[in-house]
Amino acid sequence: MNRYYKIFCEEIKKGSLERRTNFTTGAEAIFRSGKLIVSSDNSEDFSQPSLVETVKTEPHLVIFGSGHIGKALYDLAVLQKMRITVLDDRDELLTEDRFPLAKRFVAPFPSLLSKNYDFIQPYFVILTHGHNFDNDCLEYSLSRNFSHIGMIGSKAKSQRAIEMMRSKGYPEEKLSQVHTPIGLSINAETPEEIAISIMAEIISIYRKEKDAVIVDPDLLFIMAEGKGIAMRIVQKSGSAPRSLGSMMLVRDGKLYGTIGGGAIEKIAIEEAMEMERNGARCKLMHYDLTANGDLGMVCGGKETVLFTSLA
């Protein structure tokens, strides 16, 4: 087990982190509010790192309600390859045919809200078919770590719901983060238009930290097993195909994640396998992805990839 990535997996569930990386040693560490949480080499000196990043997870959309607006919002989320979970008490609506790519949970709401789920900094959207259900889902959402909470309804209904949560002791800091009525104000009327207004609001929150690096929690979990060679894009310029921070793992001949596909991924895999054979701990490689570069790629740009052994 790789202790660093194990703790990384747990801490990213609580919100954004700062990651500092030393290119010379391959060591990295995560911080929150300037306080060191854990480092990959047990070092405490990261005062002069080669790279400092804000790191957060990809969005996990959790929809309470599978009616017309819920379905339209799901369709938009699929286009963006978001993680999606839908919960409802109507098995005739929350079906595999309507929501094939979502995790689906069907049961009476009291039962649904009594369970624990693997949500990581979720974006909660409350669209149920009853005011009482909406309030119950709102209270459930407020009691979790969340990136966003939005609830549909009129201004009057929304105000009553917030007052109810205030009377139950939920702090103003959390209540101020509830978006209700949900969605940006675009005079939306149809389910599809309302879904667009909701998604636009979510994107505005998700992309607020414009330079944040997005990590896949599933890949972090695999890396926590402590085997293989990890690759991460630590510098890029031009129109390189993958974003800064994209990661891939080579382990026992299997690949997890991606750093761009094509020739760059092929040669990176070869580098990783060579590292496994000779027991190397760290390597920094620079790749030219222009038509004139050694790889013969035409996407353009340049990338620097950090290779580190997890063993």
C-alpha atoms as a PDB file:
ATOM      1  CA  MET A   1       0.000   0.000   0.000  1.00  0.00           C
ATOM      2  CA  ASN A   2       1.284   3.466  -0.932  1.00  0.00           C
ATOM      3  CA  ARG A   3       0.615   5.615   2.158  1.00  0.00           C
ATOM      4  CA  TYR A   4       0.844   8.912   0.276  1.00  0.00           C
ATOM      5  CA  TYR A   5      -1.845   8.057  -2.273  1.00  0.00           C
ATOM      6  CA  LYS A   6      -3.994   6.360   0.365  1.00  0.00           C
ATOM      7  CA  ILE A   7      -4.134   9.612   2.346  1.00  0.00           C
ATOM      8  CA  PHE A   8      -4.485  11.610  -0.886  1.00  0.00           C
ATOM      9  CA  CYS A   9      -7.644   9.589  -1.673  1.00  0.00           C
ATOM     10  CA  GLU A  10      -9.161  10.435   1.701  1.00  0.00           C
ATOM     11  CA  GLU A  11      -8.200  14.110   1.761  1.00  0.00           C
ATOM     12  CA  ILE A  12      -9.447  14.932  -1.752  1.00  0.00           C
ATOM     13  CA  LYS A  13     -12.942  13.921  -0.589  1.00  0.00           C
ATOM     14  CA  LYS A  14     -12.887  16.917   1.748  1.00  0.00           C
ATOM     15  CA  GLY A  15     -12.166  19.498  -0.951  1.00  0.00           C
ATOM     16  CA  SER A  16      -9.398  21.112  -2.979  1.00  0.00           C
ATOM     17  CA  LEU A  17      -5.759  20.562  -2.037  1.00  0.00           C
ATOM     18  CA  GLU A  18      -2.436  22.174  -2.839  1.00  0.00           C
ATOM     19  CA  ARG A  19       0.092  19.789  -4.361  1.00  0.00           C
ATOM     20  CA  ARG A  20       3.817  20.618  -4.408  1.00  0.00           C
ATOM     21  CA  THR A  21       6.225  18.595  -6.545  1.00  0.00           C
ATOM     22  CA  ASN A  22      10.014  18.313  -6.723  1.00  0.00           C
ATOM     23  CA  PHE A  23      11.069  17.386 -10.263  1.00  0.00           C
ATOM     24  CA  THR A  24      14.555  16.290  -9.212  1.00  0.00           C
ATOM     25  CA  THR A  25      13.455  13.618  -6.747  1.00  0.00           C
ATOM     26  CA  GLY A  26       9.905  13.024  -7.973  1.00  0.00           C
ATOM     27  CA  ALA A  27       8.665  13.641  -4.434  1.00  0.00           C
ATOM     28  CA  GLU A  28       5.346  15.382  -3.940  1.00  0.00           C
ATOM     29  CA  ALA A  29       3.237  16.531  -1.014  1.00  0.00           C
ATOM     30  CA  ILE A  30      -0.298  17.724  -0.401  1.00  0.00           C
ATOM     31  CA  PHE A  31      -1.228  20.720   1.740  1.00  0.00           C
ATOM     32  CA  ARG A  32      -4.455  22.286   2.955  1.00  0.00           C
ATOM     33  CA  SER A  33      -4.519  25.912   4.092  1.00  0.00           C
ATOM     34  CA  GLY A  34      -0.706  25.927   4.016  1.00  0.00           C
ATOM     35  CA  LYS A  35      -0.429  22.933   6.363  1.00  0.00           C
ATOM     36  CA  LEU A  36       1.422  19.806   5.229  1.00  0.00           C
ATOM     37  CA  ILE A  37      -0.800  16.716   5.242  1.00  0.00           C
ATOM     38  CA  VAL A  38       1.513  14.062   3.807  1.00  0.00           C
ATOM     39  CA  SER A  39       4.475  13.738   1.442  1.00  0.00           C
ATOM     40  CA  SER A  40       5.439  10.846  -0.780  1.00  0.00           C
ATOM     41  CA  ASP A  41       8.961  10.585   0.680  1.00  0.00           C
ATOM     42  CA  ASN A  42       8.159  11.535   4.308  1.00  0.00           C
ATOM     43  CA  SER A  43      10.000  14.838   3.836  1.00  0.00           C
ATOM     44  CA  GLU A  44       8.687  18.009   5.450  1.00  0.00           C
ATOM     45  CA  ASP A  45      10.722  20.489   3.399  1.00  0.00           C
ATOM     46  CA  PHE A  46       8.765  21.570   0.333  1.00  0.00           C
ATOM     47  CA  SER A  47       9.647  25.242   0.645  1.00  0.00           C
ATOM     48  CA  GLN A  48      11.170  25.349  -2.861  1.00  0.00           C
ATOM     49  CA  PRO A  49       9.091  23.030  -5.018  1.00  0.00           C
ATOM     50  CA  SER A  50       9.397  22.823  -8.793  1.00  0.00           C
ATOM     51  CA  LEU A  51       5.617  22.998  -9.197  1.00  0.00           C
ATOM     52  CA  VAL A  52       2.697  24.177  -7.051  1.00  0.00           C
ATOM     53  CA  GLU A  53      -0.869  23.311  -8.101  1.00  0.00           C
ATOM     54  CA  THR A  54      -4.414  23.458  -6.810  1.00  0.00           C
ATOM     55  CA  VAL A  55      -5.864  19.950  -7.143  1.00  0.00           C
ATOM     56  CA  LYS A  56      -9.512  18.901  -7.046  1.00  0.00           C
ATOM     57  CA  THR A  57     -11.680  16.056  -8.272  1.00  0.00           C
ATOM     58  CA  GLU A  58     -13.729  15.916 -11.432  1.00  0.00           C
ATOM     59  CA  PRO A  59     -17.405  16.829 -10.832  1.00  0.00           C
ATOM     60  CA  HIS A  60     -19.824  14.235  -9.463  1.00  0.00           C
ATOM     61  CA  LEU A  61     -23.398  15.248 -10.270  1.00  0.00           C
ATOM     62  CA  VAL A  62     -25.976  13.870  -7.816  1.00  0.00           C
ATOM     63  CA  ILE A  63     -29.572  14.410  -8.938  1.00  0.00           C
ATOM     64  CA  PHE A  64     -32.492  13.896  -6.580  1.00  0.00           C
ATOM     65  CA  GLY A  65     -35.394  13.330  -8.962  1.00  0.00           C
ATOM     66  CA  SER A  66     -35.702  11.681 -12.364  1.00  0.00           C
ATOM     67  CA  GLY A  67     -38.483  13.705 -13.976  1.00  0.00           C
ATOM     68  CA  HIS A  68     -38.278  15.858 -17.098  1.00  0.00           C
ATOM     69  CA  ILE A  69     -35.696  18.320 -15.749  1.00  0.00           C
ATOM     70  CA  GLY A  70     -33.622  15.558 -14.144  1.00  0.00           C
ATOM     71  CA  LYS A  71     -33.506  13.667 -17.443  1.00  0.00           C
ATOM     72  CA  ALA A  72     -32.544  16.803 -19.414  1.00  0.00           C
ATOM     73  CA  LEU A  73     -29.795  17.595 -16.883  1.00  0.00           C
ATOM     74  CA  TYR A  74     -28.535  14.002 -17.074  1.00  0.00           C
ATOM     75  CA  ASP A  75     -28.275  14.289 -20.876  1.00  0.00           C
ATOM     76  CA  LEU A  76     -26.142  17.433 -20.561  1.00  0.00           C
ATOM     77  CA  ALA A  77     -23.914  15.770 -17.971  1.00  0.00           C
ATOM     78  CA  VAL A  78     -23.364  12.763 -20.241  1.00  0.00           C
ATOM     79  CA  LEU A  79     -22.098  15.075 -22.986  1.00  0.00           C
ATOM     80  CA  GLN A  80     -19.484  16.357 -20.521  1.00  0.00           C
ATOM     81  CA  LYS A  81     -18.532  12.875 -19.315  1.00  0.00           C
ATOM     82  CA  MET A  82     -19.437  13.701 -15.712  1.00  0.00           C
ATOM     83  CA  ARG A  83     -19.945  11.137 -12.989  1.00  0.00           C
ATOM     84  CA  ILE A  84     -23.687  10.947 -12.429  1.00  0.00           C
ATOM     85  CA  THR A  85     -25.837   9.472  -9.674  1.00  0.00           C
ATOM     86  CA  VAL A  86     -29.637   9.719  -9.707  1.00  0.00           C
ATOM     87  CA  LEU A  87     -31.910   8.959  -6.750  1.00  0.00           C
ATOM     88  CA  ASP A  88     -35.713   8.748  -6.834  1.00  0.00           C
ATOM     89  CA  ASP A  89     -38.644   6.786  -5.454  1.00  0.00           C
ATOM     90  CA  ARG A  90     -40.261   6.293  -8.886  1.00  0.00           C
ATOM     91  CA  ASP A  91     -39.031   3.095 -10.489  1.00  0.00           C
ATOM     92  CA  GLU A  92     -41.091   3.784 -13.617  1.00  0.00           C
ATOM     93  CA  LEU A  93     -38.947   6.892 -14.308  1.00  0.00           C
ATOM     94  CA  LEU A  94     -35.526   5.979 -12.953  1.00  0.00           C
ATOM     95  CA  THR A  95     -34.832   3.186 -15.419  1.00  0.00           C
ATOM     96  CA  GLU A  96     -31.775   1.913 -17.240  1.00  0.00           C
ATOM     97  CA  ASP A  97     -33.339   2.965 -20.552  1.00  0.00           C
ATOM     98  CA  ARG A  98     -33.637   6.607 -19.445  1.00  0.00           C
ATOM     99  CA  PHE A  99     -30.422   6.839 -17.386  1.00  0.00           C
ATOM    100  CA  PRO A 100     -28.067   4.167 -18.763  1.00  0.00           C
ATOM    101  CA  LEU A 101     -24.792   5.819 -17.727  1.00  0.00           C
ATOM    102  CA  ALA A 102     -25.805   6.886 -14.230  1.00  0.00           C
ATOM    103  CA  LYS A 103     -25.640   5.058 -10.941  1.00  0.00           C
ATOM    104  CA  ARG A 104     -29.298   4.621 -10.047  1.00  0.00           C
ATOM    105  CA  PHE A 105     -30.851   4.215  -6.599  1.00  0.00           C
ATOM    106  CA  VAL A 106     -34.600   3.622  -6.354  1.00  0.00           C
ATOM    107  CA  ALA A 107     -36.370   3.462  -2.991  1.00  0.00           C
ATOM    108  CA  PRO A 108     -38.620   5.624  -0.794  1.00  0.00           C
ATOM    109  CA  PHE A 109     -36.761   8.843   0.055  1.00  0.00           C
ATOM    110  CA  PRO A 110     -36.476   8.110   3.806  1.00  0.00           C
ATOM    111  CA  SER A 111     -34.624   4.924   2.875  1.00  0.00           C
ATOM    112  CA  LEU A 112     -32.466   6.608   0.223  1.00  0.00           C
ATOM    113  CA  LEU A 113     -31.418   9.349   2.623  1.00  0.00           C
ATOM    114  CA  SER A 114     -30.492   6.939   5.398  1.00  0.00           C
ATOM    115  CA  LYS A 115     -27.663   5.337   3.410  1.00  0.00           C
ATOM    116  CA  ASN A 116     -24.030   6.223   2.810  1.00  0.00           C
ATOM    117  CA  TYR A 117     -22.779   6.680  -0.758  1.00  0.00           C
ATOM    118  CA  ASP A 118     -19.363   7.108  -2.352  1.00  0.00           C
ATOM    119  CA  PHE A 119     -19.939  10.769  -3.269  1.00  0.00           C
ATOM    120  CA  ILE A 120     -16.741  12.823  -3.542  1.00  0.00           C
ATOM    121  CA  GLN A 121     -17.382  16.563  -3.235  1.00  0.00           C
ATOM    122  CA  PRO A 122     -20.755  16.152  -4.995  1.00  0.00           C
ATOM    123  CA  TYR A 123     -22.775  18.721  -6.875  1.00  0.00           C
ATOM    124  CA  PHE A 124     -26.236  18.108  -5.396  1.00  0.00           C
ATOM    125  CA  VAL A 125     -29.265  19.039  -7.519  1.00  0.00           C
ATOM    126  CA  ILE A 126     -32.678  18.693  -5.834  1.00  0.00           C
ATOM    127  CA  LEU A 127     -35.550  18.187  -8.281  1.00  0.00           C
ATOM    128  CA  THR A 128     -37.987  15.863  -6.507  1.00  0.00           C
ATOM    129  CA  HIS A 129     -41.754  15.731  -6.993  1.00  0.00           C
ATOM    130  CA  GLY A 130     -42.694  17.029  -3.537  1.00  0.00           C
ATOM    131  CA  HIS A 131     -41.795  19.914  -1.209  1.00  0.00           C
ATOM    132  CA  ASN A 132     -41.241  17.614   1.757  1.00  0.00           C
ATOM    133  CA  PHE A 133     -38.878  15.428  -0.268  1.00  0.00           C
ATOM    134  CA  ASP A 134     -37.002  18.544  -1.404  1.00  0.00           C
ATOM    135  CA  ASN A 135     -36.535  19.672   2.193  1.00  0.00           C
ATOM    136  CA  ASP A 136     -35.363  16.230   3.276  1.00  0.00           C
ATOM    137  CA  CYS A 137     -32.858  16.112   0.409  1.00  0.00           C
ATOM    138  CA  LEU A 138     -31.670  19.616   1.258  1.00  0.00           C
ATOM    139  CA  GLU A 139     -31.024  18.638   4.868  1.00  0.00           C
ATOM    140  CA  TYR A 140     -29.196  15.494   3.716  1.00  0.00           C
ATOM    141  CA  SER A 141     -27.012  17.545   1.361  1.00  0.00           C
ATOM    142  CA  LEU A 142     -26.169  20.150   3.989  1.00  0.00           C
ATOM    143  CA  SER A 143     -24.939  17.422   6.315  1.00  0.00           C
ATOM    144  CA  ARG A 144     -22.315  16.240   3.770  1.00  0.00           C
ATOM    145  CA  ASN A 145     -19.147  17.628   2.223  1.00  0.00           C
ATOM    146  CA  PHE A 146     -20.305  19.234  -1.000  1.00  0.00           C
ATOM    147  CA  SER A 147     -19.153  21.398  -3.881  1.00  0.00           C
ATOM    148  CA  HIS A 148     -22.636  22.698  -4.730  1.00  0.00           C
ATOM    149  CA  ILE A 149     -26.227  22.436  -3.568  1.00  0.00           C
ATOM    150  CA  GLY A 150     -29.079  23.631  -5.749  1.00  0.00           C
ATOM    151  CA  MET A 151     -32.825  23.222  -5.246  1.00  0.00           C
ATOM    152  CA  ILE A 152     -35.641  24.016  -7.633  1.00  0.00           C
ATOM    153  CA  GLY A 153     -38.604  26.083  -6.520  1.00  0.00           C
ATOM    154  CA  SER A 154     -40.112  29.544  -6.257  1.00  0.00           C
ATOM    155  CA  LYS A 155     -38.434  32.276  -4.245  1.00  0.00           C
ATOM    156  CA  ALA A 156     -41.063  31.918  -1.525  1.00  0.00           C
ATOM    157  CA  LYS A 157     -40.643  28.159  -1.282  1.00  0.00           C
ATOM    158  CA  SER A 158     -36.868  28.517  -1.320  1.00  0.00           C
ATOM    159  CA  GLN A 159     -36.925  31.056   1.501  1.00  0.00           C
ATOM    160  CA  ARG A 160     -39.137  28.799   3.626  1.00  0.00           C
ATOM    161  CA  ALA A 161     -36.749  25.886   3.094  1.00  0.00           C
ATOM    162  CA  ILE A 162     -33.735  27.965   4.116  1.00  0.00           C
ATOM    163  CA  GLU A 163     -35.556  29.225   7.222  1.00  0.00           C
ATOM    164  CA  MET A 164     -36.391  25.644   8.161  1.00  0.00           C
ATOM    165  CA  MET A 165     -32.732  24.621   7.848  1.00  0.00           C
ATOM    166  CA  ARG A 166     -31.699  27.685   9.859  1.00  0.00           C
ATOM    167  CA  SER A 167     -34.095  26.693  12.640  1.00  0.00           C
ATOM    168  CA  LYS A 168     -32.449  23.255  12.706  1.00  0.00           C
ATOM    169  CA  GLY A 169     -29.101  24.818  13.428  1.00  0.00           C
ATOM    170  CA  TYR A 170     -27.342  24.687  10.065  1.00  0.00           C
ATOM    171  CA  PRO A 171     -24.718  27.469   9.977  1.00  0.00           C
ATOM    172  CA  GLU A 172     -25.010  30.517   7.754  1.00  0.00           C
ATOM    173  CA  GLU A 173     -21.732  29.577   6.087  1.00  0.00           C
ATOM    174  CA  LYS A 174     -23.393  26.469   4.628  1.00  0.00           C
ATOM    175  CA  LEU A 175     -26.816  28.019   4.004  1.00  0.00           C
ATOM    176  CA  SER A 176     -25.225  30.822   1.983  1.00  0.00           C
ATOM    177  CA  GLN A 177     -23.888  28.211  -0.443  1.00  0.00           C
ATOM    178  CA  VAL A 178     -27.344  26.836  -1.301  1.00  0.00           C
ATOM    179  CA  HIS A 179     -28.455  27.955  -4.756  1.00  0.00           C
ATOM    180  CA  THR A 180     -32.229  28.220  -4.657  1.00  0.00           C
ATOM    181  CA  PRO A 181     -34.008  28.891  -6.876  1.00  0.00           C
ATOM    182  CA  ILE A 182     -31.438  26.850  -8.780  1.00  0.00           C
ATOM    183  CA  GLY A 183     -29.828  27.873 -12.069  1.00  0.00           C
ATOM    184  CA  LEU A 184     -28.578  31.039 -13.691  1.00  0.00           C
ATOM    185  CA  SER A 185     -31.227  33.616 -14.531  1.00  0.00           C
ATOM    186  CA  ILE A 186     -31.826  33.158 -18.278  1.00  0.00           C
ATOM    187  CA  ASN A 187     -35.659  33.268 -18.297  1.00  0.00           C
ATOM    188  CA  ALA A 188     -35.716  29.485 -18.787  1.00  0.00           C
ATOM    189  CA  GLU A 189     -39.138  27.860 -19.187  1.00  0.00           C
ATOM    190  CA  THR A 190     -38.851  24.384 -20.721  1.00  0.00           C
ATOM    191  CA  PRO A 191     -37.205  21.444 -18.906  1.00  0.00           C
ATOM    192  CA  GLU A 192     -34.320  21.604 -21.349  1.00  0.00           C
ATOM    193  CA  GLU A 193     -33.797  25.339 -20.824  1.00  0.00           C
ATOM    194  CA  ILE A 194     -33.965  24.934 -17.046  1.00  0.00           C
ATOM    195  CA  ALA A 195     -31.408  22.113 -17.273  1.00  0.00           C
ATOM    196  CA  ILE A 196     -29.101  24.393 -19.267  1.00  0.00           C
ATOM    197  CA  SER A 197     -29.414  27.117 -16.598  1.00  0.00           C
ATOM    198  CA  ILE A 198     -28.562  24.578 -13.882  1.00  0.00           C
ATOM    199  CA  MET A 199     -25.579  23.179 -15.753  1.00  0.00           C
ATOM    200  CA  ALA A 200     -24.304  26.686 -16.487  1.00  0.00           C
ATOM    201  CA  GLU A 201     -24.424  27.441 -12.761  1.00  0.00           C
ATOM    202  CA  ILE A 202     -22.550  24.238 -11.953  1.00  0.00           C
ATOM    203  CA  ILE A 203     -19.886  24.976 -14.579  1.00  0.00           C
ATOM    204  CA  SER A 204     -19.442  28.509 -13.221  1.00  0.00           C
ATOM    205  CA  ILE A 205     -18.675  27.007  -9.796  1.00  0.00           C
ATOM    206  CA  TYR A 206     -16.624  24.085 -11.070  1.00  0.00           C
ATOM    207  CA  ARG A 207     -14.445  26.312 -13.269  1.00  0.00           C
ATOM    208  CA  LYS A 208     -14.078  29.131 -10.752  1.00  0.00           C
ATOM    209  CA  GLU A 209     -10.506  28.007 -10.009  1.00  0.00           C
ATOM    210  CA  LYS A 210      -9.415  28.299 -13.635  1.00  0.00           C
ATOM    211  CA  ASP A 211      -5.938  26.856 -13.139  1.00  0.00           C
ATOM    212  CA  ALA A 212      -6.972  23.956 -10.911  1.00  0.00           C
ATOM    213  CA  VAL A 213      -5.751  20.483 -11.880  1.00  0.00           C
ATOM    214  CA  ILE A 214      -8.475  17.842 -12.079  1.00  0.00           C
ATOM    215  CA  VAL A 215      -7.716  14.368 -10.746  1.00  0.00           C
ATOM    216  CA  ASP A 216      -9.629  11.113 -11.133  1.00  0.00           C
ATOM    217  CA  PRO A 217     -10.299   9.662  -7.647  1.00  0.00           C
ATOM    218  CA  ASP A 218     -10.595   6.153  -9.097  1.00  0.00           C
ATOM    219  CA  LEU A 219      -7.061   6.421 -10.480  1.00  0.00           C
ATOM    220  CA  LEU A 220      -5.773   7.706  -7.127  1.00  0.00           C
ATOM    221  CA  PHE A 221      -7.336   4.665  -5.482  1.00  0.00           C
ATOM    222  CA  ILE A 222      -5.546   2.317  -7.898  1.00  0.00           C
ATOM    223  CA  MET A 223      -2.262   4.153  -7.311  1.00  0.00           C
ATOM    224  CA  ALA A 224      -2.750   3.734  -3.562  1.00  0.00           C
ATOM    225  CA  GLU A 225      -2.189   0.010  -4.075  1.00  0.00           C
ATOM    226  CA  GLY A 226       1.469   0.931  -4.442  1.00  0.00           C
ATOM    227  CA  LYS A 227       2.622  -0.764  -7.632  1.00  0.00           C
ATOM    228  CA  GLY A 228       3.669   0.427 -11.068  1.00  0.00           C
ATOM    229  CA  ILE A 229       5.019   3.567 -12.683  1.00  0.00           C
ATOM    230  CA  ALA A 230       2.970   6.753 -12.487  1.00  0.00           C
ATOM    231  CA  MET A 231       3.165   9.389 -15.220  1.00  0.00           C
ATOM    232  CA  ARG A 232       1.910  12.957 -14.895  1.00  0.00           C
ATOM    233  CA  ILE A 233       1.981  15.929 -17.242  1.00  0.00           C
ATOM    234  CA  VAL A 234       3.733  18.609 -15.190  1.00  0.00           C
ATOM    235  CA  GLN A 235       4.344  21.206 -17.893  1.00  0.00           C
ATOM    236  CA  LYS A 236       2.704  21.882 -21.253  1.00  0.00           C
ATOM    237  CA  SER A 237       2.528  24.514 -23.943  1.00  0.00           C
ATOM    238  CA  GLY A 238       0.606  24.931 -27.159  1.00  0.00           C
ATOM    239  CA  SER A 239      -2.201  22.602 -28.219  1.00  0.00           C
ATOM    240  CA  ALA A 240      -1.066  19.398 -26.503  1.00  0.00           C
ATOM    241  CA  PRO A 241      -3.981  16.921 -26.347  1.00  0.00           C
ATOM    242  CA  ARG A 242      -4.267  16.486 -22.560  1.00  0.00           C
ATOM    243  CA  SER A 243      -4.489  19.003 -19.757  1.00  0.00           C
ATOM    244  CA  LEU A 244      -1.874  19.775 -17.143  1.00  0.00           C
ATOM    245  CA  GLY A 245      -1.956  17.180 -14.381  1.00  0.00           C
ATOM    246  CA  SER A 246      -3.297  14.344 -16.543  1.00  0.00           C
ATOM    247  CA  MET A 247      -2.055  11.032 -15.159  1.00  0.00           C
ATOM    248  CA  MET A 248      -1.482   7.476 -16.318  1.00  0.00           C
ATOM    249  CA  LEU A 249      -0.310   4.353 -14.518  1.00  0.00           C
ATOM    250  CA  VAL A 250       1.506   1.378 -16.047  1.00  0.00           C
ATOM    251  CA  ARG A 251       1.326  -1.727 -13.874  1.00  0.00           C
ATOM    252  CA  ASP A 252       1.765  -5.397 -14.754  1.00  0.00           C
ATOM    253  CA  GLY A 253       1.306  -4.623 -18.441  1.00  0.00           C
ATOM    254  CA  LYS A 254      -1.999  -2.797 -17.844  1.00  0.00           C
ATOM    255  CA  LEU A 255      -2.771   0.883 -18.389  1.00  0.00           C
ATOM    256  CA  TYR A 256      -4.900   3.169 -16.252  1.00  0.00           C
ATOM    257  CA  GLY A 257      -5.701   6.762 -17.213  1.00  0.00           C
ATOM    258  CA  THR A 258      -4.133   8.599 -20.144  1.00  0.00           C
ATOM    259  CA  ILE A 259      -1.634  11.342 -20.962  1.00  0.00           C
ATOM    260  CA  GLY A 260      -2.780  11.834 -24.540  1.00  0.00           C
ATOM    261  CA  GLY A 261      -2.789   8.639 -26.591  1.00  0.00           C
ATOM    262  CA  GLY A 262      -0.947   8.160 -29.853  1.00  0.00           C
ATOM    263  CA  ALA A 263       2.826   8.328 -30.164  1.00  0.00           C
ATOM    264  CA  ILE A 264       3.426  10.171 -26.890  1.00  0.00           C
ATOM    265  CA  GLU A 265       1.603   7.509 -24.902  1.00  0.00           C
ATOM    266  CA  LYS A 266       3.379   4.702 -26.751  1.00  0.00           C
ATOM    267  CA  ILE A 267       6.849   6.052 -26.004  1.00  0.00           C
ATOM    268  CA  ALA A 268       5.865   6.938 -22.415  1.00  0.00           C
ATOM    269  CA  ILE A 269       4.755   3.351 -21.815  1.00  0.00           C
ATOM    270  CA  GLU A 270       8.094   2.117 -23.139  1.00  0.00           C
ATOM    271  CA  GLU A 271       9.898   4.503 -20.774  1.00  0.00           C
ATOM    272  CA  ALA A 272       7.810   3.269 -17.849  1.00  0.00           C
ATOM    273  CA  MET A 273       8.469  -0.386 -18.619  1.00  0.00           C
ATOM    274  CA  GLU A 274      12.201   0.336 -18.847  1.00  0.00           C
ATOM    275  CA  MET A 275      12.023   2.026 -15.442  1.00  0.00           C
ATOM    276  CA  GLU A 276      10.366  -1.078 -13.978  1.00  0.00           C
ATOM    277  CA  ARG A 277      13.128  -3.272 -15.403  1.00  0.00           C
ATOM    278  CA  ASN A 278      16.046  -1.203 -14.097  1.00  0.00           C
ATOM    279  CA  GLY A 279      14.472  -0.136 -10.798  1.00  0.00           C
ATOM    280  CA  ALA A 280      14.659   3.605 -11.499  1.00  0.00           C
ATOM    281  CA  ARG A 281      12.732   5.827  -9.094  1.00  0.00           C
ATOM    282  CA  CYS A 282      12.180   9.031 -11.049  1.00  0.00           C
ATOM    283  CA  LYS A 283      12.574  10.456 -14.545  1.00  0.00           C
ATOM    284  CA  LEU A 284      11.566  13.726 -16.244  1.00  0.00           C
ATOM    285  CA  MET A 285      10.944  13.561 -19.998  1.00  0.00           C
ATOM    286  CA  HIS A 286      10.264  16.357 -22.492  1.00  0.00           C
ATOM    287  CA  TYR A 287       8.171  15.653 -25.613  1.00  0.00           C
ATOM    288  CA  ASP A 288       7.766  17.757 -28.751  1.00  0.00           C
ATOM    289  CA  LEU A 289       4.324  17.117 -30.261  1.00  0.00           C
ATOM    290  CA  THR A 290       4.737  19.298 -33.335  1.00  0.00           C
ATOM    291  CA  ALA A 291       5.005  17.953 -36.854  1.00  0.00           C
ATOM    292  CA  ASN A 292       8.756  18.626 -36.778  1.00  0.00           C
ATOM    293  CA  GLY A 293       9.254  16.831 -33.472  1.00  0.00           C
ATOM    294  CA  ASP A 294      10.738  13.386 -32.969  1.00  0.00           C
ATOM    295  CA  LEU A 295       7.318  11.805 -32.399  1.00  0.00           C
ATOM    296  CA  GLY A 296       5.886  12.980 -35.704  1.00  0.00           C
ATOM    297  CA  MET A 297       2.651  14.149 -34.083  1.00  0.00           C
ATOM    298  CA  VAL A 298       0.616  16.985 -35.567  1.00  0.00           C
ATOM    299  CA  CYS A 299      -1.447  18.111 -32.552  1.00  0.00           C
ATOM    300  CA  GLY A 300       1.215  20.659 -31.686  1.00  0.00           C
ATOM    301  CA  GLY A 301       2.595  21.863 -28.399  1.00  0.00           C
ATOM    302  CA  LYS A 302       5.090  20.413 -25.957  1.00  0.00           C
ATOM    303  CA  GLU A 303       4.716  18.361 -22.791  1.00  0.00           C
ATOM    304  CA  THR A 304       6.935  17.466 -19.866  1.00  0.00           C
ATOM    305  CA  VAL A 305       6.061  14.206 -18.127  1.00  0.00           C
ATOM    306  CA  LEU A 306       7.211  13.189 -14.662  1.00  0.00           C
ATOM    307  CA  PHE A 307       7.675   9.438 -14.161  1.00  0.00           C
ATOM    308  CA  THR A 308       7.756   8.059 -10.604  1.00  0.00           C
ATOM    309  CA  SER A 309       7.855   4.556  -9.212  1.00  0.00           C
ATOM    310  CA  LEU A 310       5.130   3.739  -6.675  1.00  0.00           C
ATOM    311  CA  ALA A 311       6.826   0.629  -5.301  1.00  0.00           C
END
